[in-house]
Structure formats: C-alpha cells, structure tokens
Amino acid sequence: MAKTKIEQELRNMKLHKTMKVGNIIILKVMGSWIYWNESLAKGAMAGVFVSNSEESFSMIRKMQKELKQSKK
C-alpha cells in the first residue's frame, strides 16, 4: 500500500513514462525506474537504476522528506 501520493504515482506509472520531482527525472522501465539527477548549472547529469521493491519505496520516502526539508 502506498504511503505517499508520489509513491502511488510511481506505482501507477506506465512503461517508458517520466515524472519530475524537484530536479529528479524518473523514467519507468520494466520492473523498476531510472532516476536522473540534473545539475544544469554544472552541466552534469547522473542516473541510477532503482528496482521495484519495498526497499526502494522506503528510499523514495526518505528522499521526499529530505527534499521537503531542503526547501525550508
């Protein structure tokens, strides 16, 4: 069961669709996601593969909490 709105949106994403959360672009791939972090000021981009598991959702919740705190 999804604990946050973004988590539910991630679970409902269609294959090869993207979603943007802050400066993170999330691409839905088969059974998982690829997270792209853009740092346009530095002209850099980094990506990470995140599997579709309960462990990955706990990481997403942690990232959401950190993003909210950084905006304060």
C-alpha atoms as a PDB file:
ATOM      1  CA  MET A   1       0.000   0.000   0.000  1.00  0.00           C
ATOM      2  CA  ALA A   2       1.347   3.408  -0.976  1.00  0.00           C
ATOM      3  CA  LYS A   3       2.179   5.740   1.888  1.00  0.00           C
ATOM      4  CA  THR A   4       2.539   8.938  -0.155  1.00  0.00           C
ATOM      5  CA  LYS A   5       0.981  10.490  -3.245  1.00  0.00           C
ATOM      6  CA  ILE A   6       4.271  10.330  -5.181  1.00  0.00           C
ATOM      7  CA  GLU A   7       4.756   6.683  -4.217  1.00  0.00           C
ATOM      8  CA  GLN A   8       1.293   5.869  -5.580  1.00  0.00           C
ATOM      9  CA  GLU A   9       2.051   7.797  -8.775  1.00  0.00           C
ATOM     10  CA  LEU A  10       5.276   5.807  -9.188  1.00  0.00           C
ATOM     11  CA  ARG A  11       3.441   2.528  -8.733  1.00  0.00           C
ATOM     12  CA  ASN A  12       0.843   3.605 -11.344  1.00  0.00           C
ATOM     13  CA  MET A  13       3.332   4.870 -13.948  1.00  0.00           C
ATOM     14  CA  LYS A  14       3.115   3.404 -17.421  1.00  0.00           C
ATOM     15  CA  LEU A  15       6.194   1.879 -19.041  1.00  0.00           C
ATOM     16  CA  HIS A  16       8.605   4.459 -20.537  1.00  0.00           C
ATOM     17  CA  LYS A  17       6.763   7.436 -18.999  1.00  0.00           C
ATOM     18  CA  THR A  18       8.605  10.102 -16.997  1.00  0.00           C
ATOM     19  CA  MET A  19       7.819  12.133 -13.907  1.00  0.00           C
ATOM     20  CA  LYS A  20       9.731  15.079 -12.449  1.00  0.00           C
ATOM     21  CA  VAL A  21      10.156  15.542  -8.680  1.00  0.00           C
ATOM     22  CA  GLY A  22      12.310  18.555  -7.848  1.00  0.00           C
ATOM     23  CA  ASN A  23      15.415  18.248 -10.009  1.00  0.00           C
ATOM     24  CA  ILE A  24      14.986  14.455 -10.334  1.00  0.00           C
ATOM     25  CA  ILE A  25      13.529  12.956 -13.515  1.00  0.00           C
ATOM     26  CA  ILE A  26      12.123   9.438 -13.045  1.00  0.00           C
ATOM     27  CA  LEU A  27      11.764   7.091 -16.030  1.00  0.00           C
ATOM     28  CA  LYS A  28       9.624   3.948 -15.671  1.00  0.00           C
ATOM     29  CA  VAL A  29      11.296   0.867 -17.148  1.00  0.00           C
ATOM     30  CA  MET A  30      10.388  -2.828 -16.930  1.00  0.00           C
ATOM     31  CA  GLY A  31      10.039  -3.697 -13.221  1.00  0.00           C
ATOM     32  CA  SER A  32      11.869  -0.615 -11.980  1.00  0.00           C
ATOM     33  CA  TRP A  33      12.749   3.035 -12.549  1.00  0.00           C
ATOM     34  CA  ILE A  34      15.750   5.065 -13.612  1.00  0.00           C
ATOM     35  CA  TYR A  35      16.316   8.269 -11.634  1.00  0.00           C
ATOM     36  CA  TRP A  36      18.154  11.095 -13.420  1.00  0.00           C
ATOM     37  CA  ASN A  37      19.542  13.984 -11.385  1.00  0.00           C
ATOM     38  CA  GLU A  38      20.211  17.088 -13.447  1.00  0.00           C
ATOM     39  CA  SER A  39      22.665  19.726 -12.334  1.00  0.00           C
ATOM     40  CA  LEU A  40      22.282  22.176 -15.187  1.00  0.00           C
ATOM     41  CA  ALA A  41      24.437  24.820 -13.518  1.00  0.00           C
ATOM     42  CA  LYS A  42      27.343  22.374 -13.590  1.00  0.00           C
ATOM     43  CA  GLY A  43      26.381  20.837 -16.948  1.00  0.00           C
ATOM     44  CA  ALA A  44      26.200  17.380 -15.364  1.00  0.00           C
ATOM     45  CA  MET A  45      23.713  14.531 -15.225  1.00  0.00           C
ATOM     46  CA  ALA A  46      23.774  11.279 -13.241  1.00  0.00           C
ATOM     47  CA  GLY A  47      21.407   8.309 -13.317  1.00  0.00           C
ATOM     48  CA  VAL A  48      20.671   5.387 -11.019  1.00  0.00           C
ATOM     49  CA  PHE A  49      18.602   2.231 -11.528  1.00  0.00           C
ATOM     50  CA  VAL A  50      16.062   1.590  -8.724  1.00  0.00           C
ATOM     51  CA  SER A  51      14.304  -1.779  -8.618  1.00  0.00           C
ATOM     52  CA  ASN A  52      10.609  -2.102  -7.828  1.00  0.00           C
ATOM     53  CA  SER A  53      10.768  -3.392  -4.262  1.00  0.00           C
ATOM     54  CA  GLU A  54       9.566  -2.275  -0.844  1.00  0.00           C
ATOM     55  CA  GLU A  55      13.161  -1.287  -0.062  1.00  0.00           C
ATOM     56  CA  SER A  56      13.181   1.151  -2.981  1.00  0.00           C
ATOM     57  CA  PHE A  57       9.930   2.743  -1.740  1.00  0.00           C
ATOM     58  CA  SER A  58      11.460   3.366   1.685  1.00  0.00           C
ATOM     59  CA  MET A  59      14.327   5.140  -0.112  1.00  0.00           C
ATOM     60  CA  ILE A  60      11.802   7.237  -2.070  1.00  0.00           C
ATOM     61  CA  ARG A  61      10.067   8.278   1.163  1.00  0.00           C
ATOM     62  CA  LYS A  62      13.437   9.291   2.621  1.00  0.00           C
ATOM     63  CA  MET A  63      14.255  11.343  -0.497  1.00  0.00           C
ATOM     64  CA  GLN A  64      10.870  13.106  -0.294  1.00  0.00           C
ATOM     65  CA  LYS A  65      11.467  14.011   3.354  1.00  0.00           C
ATOM     66  CA  GLU A  66      14.944  15.379   2.555  1.00  0.00           C
ATOM     67  CA  LEU A  67      13.601  17.392  -0.385  1.00  0.00           C
ATOM     68  CA  LYS A  68      10.911  18.965   1.812  1.00  0.00           C
ATOM     69  CA  GLN A  69      13.476  19.838   4.489  1.00  0.00           C
ATOM     70  CA  SER A  70      15.838  21.409   1.942  1.00  0.00           C
ATOM     71  CA  LYS A  71      13.055  23.718   0.713  1.00  0.00           C
ATOM     72  CA  LYS A  72      12.532  25.186   4.208  1.00  0.00           C
END
